[in-house]
Amino acid sequence: MKKTDIPIDYSQEVANAFSRNQPLVALESTIISHGMPYPDNVATAAALEEAIRKEGAVPATIAIIDGRIKVGLSKEQIEFLGKSENIKKASRRDIPVILAEGSHAATTVAATMIAAALAGIHVFATGGIGGVHRGAETSFDISADLQELARSNVAVVCAGAKAILDLQLTLEYLETLGVPVLGYGTAEMPAFYSSSSGLAVDHRIDSPEAVAAVLDSKWKCGLEGGVLITNPIPEEFSMEKEKIDNAIEVALDEARRIGIFGKDLTPFLLGKIKELTGGESLSANIELVKNNATVAAKIAVAYSSRLKAK
């Protein structure tokens, strides 16, 4: 297939960035349609884009609308995704069906990585990746995000895997797939709502330039796949570990009791945890993803500068 045959559209801002060789940062859209309630979702989407522009990069929020991959969304499109009910949630397996039927979908981490790679965007900011679910030894519930990290040449900046997951098994699975897990200013894997998990990352990296050097060396050697850059939630917004762990256990017990699983599980758990923490988890989520967007923009600028210097 020729690149012109791919059903992909670029916003004017993104198209201009490509023509001017400006650094870009991809953003997912499930956080808009499935991760937060309205109007927090729309306000957060705008804040993420602004945080990226502030650091000298260009944001590219990604979604599927009318069966077309959209790289860069207008305010009206973000509002549509934030307010509309029944927006589908697209991972790798869903993309061909959604494109073929001409429908709408918000993109997960995996689907956003695919679209970013198709577009030629190498840095992506999200809140937390999917991973190995608790009890996966019997359920086999493992997010497609991990396999995509082994396939797509996109660096993902996150606050670790979502805290509802089995973080130890997620790290083991990433090791099996050969995905480097870097700690940005930390030697520990962040635990999403909390800055510390007690689990070691593969390597600590302390600057955007150092991350850019890793990306450059990986891809120029033909080592396919992404890099996971774990960036702890700022300490002032980090939640007490015991409090969030208790809320997660209650939410997981309720999900098991009423039979929620698969792609419905994560949105249910996040909503229930928000309820159990009196909204504190939502506030922490907003702050950590804004912080990730800022760090991702710095990395994109450093990586772009490195390529231009060659």
C-alpha atoms as a PDB file:
ATOM      1  CA  MET A   1       0.000   0.000   0.000  1.00  0.00           C
ATOM      2  CA  LYS A   2       1.225   3.466  -0.859  1.00  0.00           C
ATOM      3  CA  LYS A   3       1.306   5.949   2.004  1.00  0.00           C
ATOM      4  CA  THR A   4      -1.244   8.073   0.124  1.00  0.00           C
ATOM      5  CA  ASP A   5      -3.723   5.168   0.330  1.00  0.00           C
ATOM      6  CA  ILE A   6      -3.750   5.178   4.145  1.00  0.00           C
ATOM      7  CA  PRO A   7      -6.979   6.780   5.453  1.00  0.00           C
ATOM      8  CA  ILE A   8      -5.146   9.417   7.488  1.00  0.00           C
ATOM      9  CA  ASP A   9      -5.712  13.162   7.791  1.00  0.00           C
ATOM     10  CA  TYR A  10      -3.511  15.806   9.402  1.00  0.00           C
ATOM     11  CA  SER A  11      -4.671  18.982  11.095  1.00  0.00           C
ATOM     12  CA  GLN A  12      -3.256  22.188   9.651  1.00  0.00           C
ATOM     13  CA  GLU A  13      -1.057  22.672  12.712  1.00  0.00           C
ATOM     14  CA  VAL A  14       0.415  19.170  12.390  1.00  0.00           C
ATOM     15  CA  ALA A  15       0.854  19.477   8.615  1.00  0.00           C
ATOM     16  CA  ASN A  16       2.684  22.762   9.128  1.00  0.00           C
ATOM     17  CA  ALA A  17       4.913  21.147  11.759  1.00  0.00           C
ATOM     18  CA  PHE A  18       5.917  18.409   9.324  1.00  0.00           C
ATOM     19  CA  SER A  19       6.675  20.909   6.565  1.00  0.00           C
ATOM     20  CA  ARG A  20       8.798  23.008   8.949  1.00  0.00           C
ATOM     21  CA  ASN A  21      10.517  19.962  10.485  1.00  0.00           C
ATOM     22  CA  GLN A  22       9.231  20.852  13.971  1.00  0.00           C
ATOM     23  CA  PRO A  23       9.160  18.306  16.825  1.00  0.00           C
ATOM     24  CA  LEU A  24       5.794  16.634  17.422  1.00  0.00           C
ATOM     25  CA  VAL A  25       4.252  14.782  20.357  1.00  0.00           C
ATOM     26  CA  ALA A  26       1.368  12.338  19.905  1.00  0.00           C
ATOM     27  CA  LEU A  27      -1.508  12.218  22.409  1.00  0.00           C
ATOM     28  CA  GLU A  28      -4.140   9.512  22.803  1.00  0.00           C
ATOM     29  CA  SER A  29      -7.906  10.099  22.811  1.00  0.00           C
ATOM     30  CA  THR A  30      -9.195   7.368  25.144  1.00  0.00           C
ATOM     31  CA  ILE A  31      -8.391   9.737  27.996  1.00  0.00           C
ATOM     32  CA  ILE A  32     -10.999  12.057  26.441  1.00  0.00           C
ATOM     33  CA  SER A  33     -13.729   9.503  25.703  1.00  0.00           C
ATOM     34  CA  HIS A  34     -13.156   6.861  28.382  1.00  0.00           C
ATOM     35  CA  GLY A  35     -10.655   8.103  30.955  1.00  0.00           C
ATOM     36  CA  MET A  36     -12.311  11.164  32.472  1.00  0.00           C
ATOM     37  CA  PRO A  37     -15.790  12.666  32.855  1.00  0.00           C
ATOM     38  CA  TYR A  38     -16.941  15.735  30.909  1.00  0.00           C
ATOM     39  CA  PRO A  39     -15.876  18.573  31.111  1.00  0.00           C
ATOM     40  CA  ASP A  40     -12.620  17.513  32.859  1.00  0.00           C
ATOM     41  CA  ASN A  41     -11.696  15.422  29.821  1.00  0.00           C
ATOM     42  CA  VAL A  42     -11.941  18.290  27.343  1.00  0.00           C
ATOM     43  CA  ALA A  43     -10.177  20.728  29.668  1.00  0.00           C
ATOM     44  CA  THR A  44      -7.364  18.223  30.251  1.00  0.00           C
ATOM     45  CA  ALA A  45      -6.964  17.593  26.503  1.00  0.00           C
ATOM     46  CA  ALA A  46      -6.548  21.338  25.953  1.00  0.00           C
ATOM     47  CA  ALA A  47      -4.098  21.618  28.870  1.00  0.00           C
ATOM     48  CA  LEU A  48      -1.952  18.789  27.481  1.00  0.00           C
ATOM     49  CA  GLU A  49      -1.729  20.417  24.076  1.00  0.00           C
ATOM     50  CA  GLU A  50      -0.811  23.749  25.635  1.00  0.00           C
ATOM     51  CA  ALA A  51       1.872  22.146  27.834  1.00  0.00           C
ATOM     52  CA  ILE A  52       3.477  20.674  24.701  1.00  0.00           C
ATOM     53  CA  ARG A  53       3.380  23.966  22.784  1.00  0.00           C
ATOM     54  CA  LYS A  54       4.936  25.733  25.771  1.00  0.00           C
ATOM     55  CA  GLU A  55       8.035  23.520  25.456  1.00  0.00           C
ATOM     56  CA  GLY A  56       8.461  24.250  21.743  1.00  0.00           C
ATOM     57  CA  ALA A  57       6.835  21.129  20.269  1.00  0.00           C
ATOM     58  CA  VAL A  58       3.556  20.589  18.411  1.00  0.00           C
ATOM     59  CA  PRO A  59       0.766  18.395  19.844  1.00  0.00           C
ATOM     60  CA  ALA A  60      -0.929  15.756  17.707  1.00  0.00           C
ATOM     61  CA  THR A  61      -3.981  14.313  19.465  1.00  0.00           C
ATOM     62  CA  ILE A  62      -5.063  11.169  17.608  1.00  0.00           C
ATOM     63  CA  ALA A  63      -8.501   9.605  17.072  1.00  0.00           C
ATOM     64  CA  ILE A  64     -10.599   7.929  14.380  1.00  0.00           C
ATOM     65  CA  ILE A  65     -13.512  10.010  13.091  1.00  0.00           C
ATOM     66  CA  ASP A  66     -15.781   8.974  10.218  1.00  0.00           C
ATOM     67  CA  GLY A  67     -13.463   6.084   9.452  1.00  0.00           C
ATOM     68  CA  ARG A  68     -10.390   8.311   9.044  1.00  0.00           C
ATOM     69  CA  ILE A  69      -7.327   8.404  11.293  1.00  0.00           C
ATOM     70  CA  LYS A  70      -7.037  11.982  12.499  1.00  0.00           C
ATOM     71  CA  VAL A  71      -3.573  13.161  13.515  1.00  0.00           C
ATOM     72  CA  GLY A  72      -4.241  16.458  15.249  1.00  0.00           C
ATOM     73  CA  LEU A  73      -7.769  17.364  16.348  1.00  0.00           C
ATOM     74  CA  SER A  74      -9.709  20.607  16.261  1.00  0.00           C
ATOM     75  CA  LYS A  75     -11.378  21.969  19.403  1.00  0.00           C
ATOM     76  CA  GLU A  76     -14.713  20.895  17.943  1.00  0.00           C
ATOM     77  CA  GLN A  77     -13.495  17.327  17.405  1.00  0.00           C
ATOM     78  CA  ILE A  78     -12.145  17.119  20.966  1.00  0.00           C
ATOM     79  CA  GLU A  79     -15.478  18.427  22.273  1.00  0.00           C
ATOM     80  CA  PHE A  80     -17.291  15.813  20.174  1.00  0.00           C
ATOM     81  CA  LEU A  81     -15.178  12.985  21.617  1.00  0.00           C
ATOM     82  CA  GLY A  82     -15.583  14.335  25.133  1.00  0.00           C
ATOM     83  CA  LYS A  83     -19.385  14.726  25.069  1.00  0.00           C
ATOM     84  CA  SER A  84     -20.545  11.904  22.799  1.00  0.00           C
ATOM     85  CA  GLU A  85     -21.751   8.621  24.230  1.00  0.00           C
ATOM     86  CA  ASN A  86     -20.848   5.245  22.751  1.00  0.00           C
ATOM     87  CA  ILE A  87     -17.528   6.344  21.234  1.00  0.00           C
ATOM     88  CA  LYS A  88     -15.708   3.094  20.547  1.00  0.00           C
ATOM     89  CA  LYS A  89     -12.378   2.231  22.129  1.00  0.00           C
ATOM     90  CA  ALA A  90      -9.870   1.203  19.451  1.00  0.00           C
ATOM     91  CA  SER A  91      -6.835  -1.002  19.912  1.00  0.00           C
ATOM     92  CA  ARG A  92      -4.883  -2.754  17.135  1.00  0.00           C
ATOM     93  CA  ARG A  93      -7.543  -5.420  16.530  1.00  0.00           C
ATOM     94  CA  ASP A  94     -10.328  -2.844  16.183  1.00  0.00           C
ATOM     95  CA  ILE A  95      -8.734  -0.408  13.736  1.00  0.00           C
ATOM     96  CA  PRO A  96      -9.538  -2.228  10.455  1.00  0.00           C
ATOM     97  CA  VAL A  97     -13.205  -2.716  11.374  1.00  0.00           C
ATOM     98  CA  ILE A  98     -13.669   0.902  12.489  1.00  0.00           C
ATOM     99  CA  LEU A  99     -11.994   2.222   9.335  1.00  0.00           C
ATOM    100  CA  ALA A 100     -14.050  -0.088   7.121  1.00  0.00           C
ATOM    101  CA  GLU A 101     -17.388   0.842   8.662  1.00  0.00           C
ATOM    102  CA  GLY A 102     -16.572   4.560   8.752  1.00  0.00           C
ATOM    103  CA  SER A 103     -17.295   4.988  12.450  1.00  0.00           C
ATOM    104  CA  HIS A 104     -15.701   6.903  15.342  1.00  0.00           C
ATOM    105  CA  ALA A 105     -13.268   5.662  17.974  1.00  0.00           C
ATOM    106  CA  ALA A 106     -10.907   6.934  20.621  1.00  0.00           C
ATOM    107  CA  THR A 107      -7.444   5.439  20.357  1.00  0.00           C
ATOM    108  CA  THR A 108      -5.782   3.453  23.144  1.00  0.00           C
ATOM    109  CA  VAL A 109      -2.048   3.541  23.779  1.00  0.00           C
ATOM    110  CA  ALA A 110      -1.554   0.722  21.247  1.00  0.00           C
ATOM    111  CA  ALA A 111      -3.686   2.336  18.528  1.00  0.00           C
ATOM    112  CA  THR A 112      -2.113   5.742  19.122  1.00  0.00           C
ATOM    113  CA  MET A 113       1.355   4.226  18.740  1.00  0.00           C
ATOM    114  CA  ILE A 114       0.294   2.657  15.430  1.00  0.00           C
ATOM    115  CA  ALA A 115      -1.075   5.954  14.110  1.00  0.00           C
ATOM    116  CA  ALA A 116       1.946   7.908  15.366  1.00  0.00           C
ATOM    117  CA  ALA A 117       4.317   5.474  13.640  1.00  0.00           C
ATOM    118  CA  LEU A 118       2.311   5.714  10.402  1.00  0.00           C
ATOM    119  CA  ALA A 119       2.532   9.507  10.597  1.00  0.00           C
ATOM    120  CA  GLY A 120       6.242   9.551  11.483  1.00  0.00           C
ATOM    121  CA  ILE A 121       5.861  10.847  15.048  1.00  0.00           C
ATOM    122  CA  HIS A 122       8.370   9.279  17.441  1.00  0.00           C
ATOM    123  CA  VAL A 123       7.332  10.613  20.864  1.00  0.00           C
ATOM    124  CA  PHE A 124       3.993   9.995  22.591  1.00  0.00           C
ATOM    125  CA  ALA A 125       2.721  11.182  25.986  1.00  0.00           C
ATOM    126  CA  THR A 126       0.070   9.315  27.951  1.00  0.00           C
ATOM    127  CA  GLY A 127      -1.005   8.845  31.559  1.00  0.00           C
ATOM    128  CA  GLY A 128      -0.271   5.176  32.142  1.00  0.00           C
ATOM    129  CA  ILE A 129       0.107   2.227  29.812  1.00  0.00           C
ATOM    130  CA  GLY A 130      -1.907  -0.970  29.976  1.00  0.00           C
ATOM    131  CA  GLY A 131      -0.111  -4.074  31.134  1.00  0.00           C
ATOM    132  CA  VAL A 132      -0.500  -7.453  32.762  1.00  0.00           C
ATOM    133  CA  HIS A 133      -3.692  -7.538  34.826  1.00  0.00           C
ATOM    134  CA  ARG A 134      -3.779  -9.031  38.287  1.00  0.00           C
ATOM    135  CA  GLY A 135      -4.709 -12.693  38.008  1.00  0.00           C
ATOM    136  CA  ALA A 136      -3.469 -12.885  34.414  1.00  0.00           C
ATOM    137  CA  GLU A 137      -1.986 -16.316  35.123  1.00  0.00           C
ATOM    138  CA  THR A 138      -5.564 -17.631  34.851  1.00  0.00           C
ATOM    139  CA  SER A 139      -7.363 -14.918  32.841  1.00  0.00           C
ATOM    140  CA  PHE A 140      -4.571 -14.239  30.308  1.00  0.00           C
ATOM    141  CA  ASP A 141      -5.667 -10.581  30.457  1.00  0.00           C
ATOM    142  CA  ILE A 142      -2.634  -8.732  29.071  1.00  0.00           C
ATOM    143  CA  SER A 143      -2.939  -5.369  27.345  1.00  0.00           C
ATOM    144  CA  ALA A 144      -2.094  -5.076  23.649  1.00  0.00           C
ATOM    145  CA  ASP A 145      -0.110  -1.969  24.635  1.00  0.00           C
ATOM    146  CA  LEU A 146       2.830  -4.178  25.595  1.00  0.00           C
ATOM    147  CA  GLN A 147       3.013  -5.989  22.266  1.00  0.00           C
ATOM    148  CA  GLU A 148       2.749  -2.658  20.459  1.00  0.00           C
ATOM    149  CA  LEU A 149       5.705  -1.333  22.415  1.00  0.00           C
ATOM    150  CA  ALA A 150       7.715  -4.172  20.875  1.00  0.00           C
ATOM    151  CA  ARG A 151       6.503  -3.317  17.347  1.00  0.00           C
ATOM    152  CA  SER A 152       6.256   0.445  16.838  1.00  0.00           C
ATOM    153  CA  ASN A 153       9.205   2.835  16.832  1.00  0.00           C
ATOM    154  CA  VAL A 154       7.604   5.268  19.256  1.00  0.00           C
ATOM    155  CA  ALA A 155       8.892   6.410  22.655  1.00  0.00           C
ATOM    156  CA  VAL A 156       6.095   6.420  25.237  1.00  0.00           C
ATOM    157  CA  VAL A 157       6.294   8.807  28.202  1.00  0.00           C
ATOM    158  CA  CYS A 158       4.031   7.669  31.043  1.00  0.00           C
ATOM    159  CA  ALA A 159       3.737   7.495  34.830  1.00  0.00           C
ATOM    160  CA  GLY A 160       4.264   3.736  34.653  1.00  0.00           C
ATOM    161  CA  ALA A 161       1.572   1.141  34.060  1.00  0.00           C
ATOM    162  CA  LYS A 162      -1.841   1.858  35.549  1.00  0.00           C
ATOM    163  CA  ALA A 163      -1.827   1.049  39.269  1.00  0.00           C
ATOM    164  CA  ILE A 164      -4.723  -1.404  38.887  1.00  0.00           C
ATOM    165  CA  LEU A 165      -2.306  -3.800  37.128  1.00  0.00           C
ATOM    166  CA  ASP A 166       0.352  -6.249  38.270  1.00  0.00           C
ATOM    167  CA  LEU A 167       3.409  -4.025  37.933  1.00  0.00           C
ATOM    168  CA  GLN A 168       5.971  -6.767  38.593  1.00  0.00           C
ATOM    169  CA  LEU A 169       4.533  -9.022  35.865  1.00  0.00           C
ATOM    170  CA  THR A 170       4.242  -6.062  33.507  1.00  0.00           C
ATOM    171  CA  LEU A 171       7.969  -5.381  33.883  1.00  0.00           C
ATOM    172  CA  GLU A 172       8.747  -9.069  33.345  1.00  0.00           C
ATOM    173  CA  TYR A 173       6.663  -9.107  30.163  1.00  0.00           C
ATOM    174  CA  LEU A 174       8.357  -5.964  28.836  1.00  0.00           C
ATOM    175  CA  GLU A 175      11.737  -7.594  29.469  1.00  0.00           C
ATOM    176  CA  THR A 176      10.649 -10.652  27.460  1.00  0.00           C
ATOM    177  CA  LEU A 177       9.620  -8.366  24.594  1.00  0.00           C
ATOM    178  CA  GLY A 178      12.947  -6.517  24.700  1.00  0.00           C
ATOM    179  CA  VAL A 179      11.397  -3.131  25.490  1.00  0.00           C
ATOM    180  CA  PRO A 180      13.790  -0.822  27.408  1.00  0.00           C
ATOM    181  CA  VAL A 181      12.159   0.652  30.518  1.00  0.00           C
ATOM    182  CA  LEU A 182      13.799   3.930  31.477  1.00  0.00           C
ATOM    183  CA  GLY A 183      13.212   5.875  34.675  1.00  0.00           C
ATOM    184  CA  TYR A 184      13.174   9.613  34.043  1.00  0.00           C
ATOM    185  CA  GLY A 185      15.013  10.978  37.063  1.00  0.00           C
ATOM    186  CA  THR A 186      14.300   7.795  39.017  1.00  0.00           C
ATOM    187  CA  ALA A 187      15.620   4.246  39.398  1.00  0.00           C
ATOM    188  CA  GLU A 188      12.154   2.961  40.356  1.00  0.00           C
ATOM    189  CA  MET A 189       9.079   2.163  38.303  1.00  0.00           C
ATOM    190  CA  PRO A 190       6.454   4.776  39.183  1.00  0.00           C
ATOM    191  CA  ALA A 191       3.109   3.370  40.334  1.00  0.00           C
ATOM    192  CA  PHE A 192       0.886   5.832  38.434  1.00  0.00           C
ATOM    193  CA  TYR A 193      -0.893   7.598  41.330  1.00  0.00           C
ATOM    194  CA  SER A 194       2.226   7.157  43.496  1.00  0.00           C
ATOM    195  CA  SER A 195       5.796   8.039  42.596  1.00  0.00           C
ATOM    196  CA  SER A 196       7.282   4.802  43.952  1.00  0.00           C
ATOM    197  CA  SER A 197       6.544   1.097  43.525  1.00  0.00           C
ATOM    198  CA  GLY A 198       9.711  -0.440  44.952  1.00  0.00           C
ATOM    199  CA  LEU A 199      10.403  -2.048  41.556  1.00  0.00           C
ATOM    200  CA  ALA A 200      13.572  -1.220  39.645  1.00  0.00           C
ATOM    201  CA  VAL A 201      13.563   0.050  36.060  1.00  0.00           C
ATOM    202  CA  ASP A 202      16.214  -1.063  33.566  1.00  0.00           C
ATOM    203  CA  HIS A 203      18.089   2.242  33.474  1.00  0.00           C
ATOM    204  CA  ARG A 204      17.833   5.683  35.036  1.00  0.00           C
ATOM    205  CA  ILE A 205      18.007   8.618  32.582  1.00  0.00           C
ATOM    206  CA  ASP A 206      18.172  12.187  33.869  1.00  0.00           C
ATOM    207  CA  SER A 207      17.747  14.532  30.896  1.00  0.00           C
ATOM    208  CA  PRO A 208      15.807  14.880  27.625  1.00  0.00           C
ATOM    209  CA  GLU A 209      19.111  14.859  25.729  1.00  0.00           C
ATOM    210  CA  ALA A 210      20.101  11.537  27.291  1.00  0.00           C
ATOM    211  CA  VAL A 211      16.741  10.019  26.342  1.00  0.00           C
ATOM    212  CA  ALA A 212      17.130  11.356  22.784  1.00  0.00           C
ATOM    213  CA  ALA A 213      20.546   9.672  22.550  1.00  0.00           C
ATOM    214  CA  VAL A 214      19.011   6.333  23.593  1.00  0.00           C
ATOM    215  CA  LEU A 215      16.246   6.634  20.976  1.00  0.00           C
ATOM    216  CA  ASP A 216      18.751   7.539  18.292  1.00  0.00           C
ATOM    217  CA  SER A 217      21.101   4.659  19.101  1.00  0.00           C
ATOM    218  CA  LYS A 218      18.240   2.144  19.290  1.00  0.00           C
ATOM    219  CA  TRP A 219      16.592   2.972  15.988  1.00  0.00           C
ATOM    220  CA  LYS A 220      19.714   3.610  13.933  1.00  0.00           C
ATOM    221  CA  CYS A 221      20.855   0.090  14.884  1.00  0.00           C
ATOM    222  CA  GLY A 222      17.614  -1.293  13.452  1.00  0.00           C
ATOM    223  CA  LEU A 223      16.314  -2.376  16.863  1.00  0.00           C
ATOM    224  CA  GLU A 224      12.601  -2.176  16.124  1.00  0.00           C
ATOM    225  CA  GLY A 225      10.063  -1.209  18.754  1.00  0.00           C
ATOM    226  CA  GLY A 226       9.500   1.485  21.306  1.00  0.00           C
ATOM    227  CA  VAL A 227      11.069   2.709  24.516  1.00  0.00           C
ATOM    228  CA  LEU A 228       9.081   3.137  27.721  1.00  0.00           C
ATOM    229  CA  ILE A 229      10.020   6.301  29.620  1.00  0.00           C
ATOM    230  CA  THR A 230       8.519   6.219  33.099  1.00  0.00           C
ATOM    231  CA  ASN A 231       8.094   9.641  34.652  1.00  0.00           C
ATOM    232  CA  PRO A 232       6.922   9.819  38.294  1.00  0.00           C
ATOM    233  CA  ILE A 233       3.917  11.910  39.252  1.00  0.00           C
ATOM    234  CA  PRO A 234       5.169  15.151  40.897  1.00  0.00           C
ATOM    235  CA  GLU A 235       5.619  14.514  44.612  1.00  0.00           C
ATOM    236  CA  GLU A 236       3.101  17.160  45.645  1.00  0.00           C
ATOM    237  CA  PHE A 237       0.348  15.277  43.794  1.00  0.00           C
ATOM    238  CA  SER A 238       1.464  11.731  44.677  1.00  0.00           C
ATOM    239  CA  MET A 239      -1.234   9.814  46.558  1.00  0.00           C
ATOM    240  CA  GLU A 240      -0.654   7.891  49.773  1.00  0.00           C
ATOM    241  CA  LYS A 241       0.129   4.324  48.674  1.00  0.00           C
ATOM    242  CA  GLU A 242      -2.036   2.615  51.308  1.00  0.00           C
ATOM    243  CA  LYS A 243      -5.048   4.748  50.406  1.00  0.00           C
ATOM    244  CA  ILE A 244      -4.873   4.097  46.681  1.00  0.00           C
ATOM    245  CA  ASP A 245      -4.076   0.385  47.174  1.00  0.00           C
ATOM    246  CA  ASN A 246      -7.170  -0.034  49.373  1.00  0.00           C
ATOM    247  CA  ALA A 247      -9.358   1.709  46.789  1.00  0.00           C
ATOM    248  CA  ILE A 248      -7.969  -0.515  44.020  1.00  0.00           C
ATOM    249  CA  GLU A 249      -8.700  -3.693  45.987  1.00  0.00           C
ATOM    250  CA  VAL A 250     -12.303  -2.623  46.645  1.00  0.00           C
ATOM    251  CA  ALA A 251     -12.785  -1.705  42.976  1.00  0.00           C
ATOM    252  CA  LEU A 252     -11.295  -5.021  41.792  1.00  0.00           C
ATOM    253  CA  ASP A 253     -13.534  -6.998  44.157  1.00  0.00           C
ATOM    254  CA  GLU A 254     -16.614  -5.211  42.814  1.00  0.00           C
ATOM    255  CA  ALA A 255     -15.579  -5.775  39.191  1.00  0.00           C
ATOM    256  CA  ARG A 256     -15.172  -9.508  39.872  1.00  0.00           C
ATOM    257  CA  ARG A 257     -18.497  -9.657  41.688  1.00  0.00           C
ATOM    258  CA  ILE A 258     -20.499  -8.100  38.848  1.00  0.00           C
ATOM    259  CA  GLY A 259     -18.521  -9.719  36.048  1.00  0.00           C
ATOM    260  CA  ILE A 260     -16.753  -6.802  34.372  1.00  0.00           C
ATOM    261  CA  PHE A 261     -13.722  -7.765  32.284  1.00  0.00           C
ATOM    262  CA  GLY A 262     -11.904  -7.095  28.986  1.00  0.00           C
ATOM    263  CA  LYS A 263     -11.874  -3.574  27.569  1.00  0.00           C
ATOM    264  CA  ASP A 264     -14.653  -2.501  29.984  1.00  0.00           C
ATOM    265  CA  LEU A 265     -12.534  -3.269  33.045  1.00  0.00           C
ATOM    266  CA  THR A 266     -10.120  -0.338  33.078  1.00  0.00           C
ATOM    267  CA  PRO A 267     -12.763   2.438  32.631  1.00  0.00           C
ATOM    268  CA  PHE A 268     -14.885   0.803  35.357  1.00  0.00           C
ATOM    269  CA  LEU A 269     -11.977   0.560  37.793  1.00  0.00           C
ATOM    270  CA  LEU A 270     -10.832   4.142  37.187  1.00  0.00           C
ATOM    271  CA  GLY A 271     -14.368   5.432  37.762  1.00  0.00           C
ATOM    272  CA  LYS A 272     -14.822   3.381  40.920  1.00  0.00           C
ATOM    273  CA  ILE A 273     -11.435   4.460  42.312  1.00  0.00           C
ATOM    274  CA  LYS A 274     -12.360   8.101  41.657  1.00  0.00           C
ATOM    275  CA  GLU A 275     -15.554   7.559  43.657  1.00  0.00           C
ATOM    276  CA  LEU A 276     -13.737   5.802  46.515  1.00  0.00           C
ATOM    277  CA  THR A 277     -11.035   8.480  46.787  1.00  0.00           C
ATOM    278  CA  GLY A 278     -13.456  11.394  46.651  1.00  0.00           C
ATOM    279  CA  GLY A 279     -12.041  12.591  43.327  1.00  0.00           C
ATOM    280  CA  GLU A 280      -8.419  12.626  44.498  1.00  0.00           C
ATOM    281  CA  SER A 281      -7.425   9.985  41.957  1.00  0.00           C
ATOM    282  CA  LEU A 282      -8.854  12.067  39.104  1.00  0.00           C
ATOM    283  CA  SER A 283      -6.905  15.139  40.225  1.00  0.00           C
ATOM    284  CA  ALA A 284      -3.730  13.050  40.452  1.00  0.00           C
ATOM    285  CA  ASN A 285      -4.398  11.600  36.983  1.00  0.00           C
ATOM    286  CA  ILE A 286      -4.741  15.073  35.468  1.00  0.00           C
ATOM    287  CA  GLU A 287      -1.524  16.309  37.073  1.00  0.00           C
ATOM    288  CA  LEU A 288       0.560  13.279  36.108  1.00  0.00           C
ATOM    289  CA  VAL A 289      -0.498  13.323  32.454  1.00  0.00           C
ATOM    290  CA  LYS A 290       0.231  17.064  32.211  1.00  0.00           C
ATOM    291  CA  ASN A 291       3.676  16.402  33.647  1.00  0.00           C
ATOM    292  CA  ASN A 292       4.194  13.594  31.114  1.00  0.00           C
ATOM    293  CA  ALA A 293       3.211  15.898  28.250  1.00  0.00           C
ATOM    294  CA  THR A 294       5.805  18.446  29.368  1.00  0.00           C
ATOM    295  CA  VAL A 295       8.573  15.842  29.607  1.00  0.00           C
ATOM    296  CA  ALA A 296       7.583  14.292  26.264  1.00  0.00           C
ATOM    297  CA  ALA A 297       7.780  17.686  24.570  1.00  0.00           C
ATOM    298  CA  LYS A 298      11.272  18.252  25.968  1.00  0.00           C
ATOM    299  CA  ILE A 299      12.344  14.832  24.689  1.00  0.00           C
ATOM    300  CA  ALA A 300      10.810  15.494  21.252  1.00  0.00           C
ATOM    301  CA  VAL A 301      12.690  18.800  21.011  1.00  0.00           C
ATOM    302  CA  ALA A 302      15.961  17.133  22.039  1.00  0.00           C
ATOM    303  CA  TYR A 303      15.465  14.245  19.592  1.00  0.00           C
ATOM    304  CA  SER A 304      14.595  16.622  16.741  1.00  0.00           C
ATOM    305  CA  SER A 305      17.669  18.738  17.501  1.00  0.00           C
ATOM    306  CA  ARG A 306      19.856  15.638  17.528  1.00  0.00           C
ATOM    307  CA  LEU A 307      18.611  14.552  14.105  1.00  0.00           C
ATOM    308  CA  LYS A 308      19.036  18.035  12.638  1.00  0.00           C
ATOM    309  CA  ALA A 309      22.622  18.208  13.907  1.00  0.00           C
ATOM    310  CA  LYS A 310      23.658  15.170  11.861  1.00  0.00           C
END
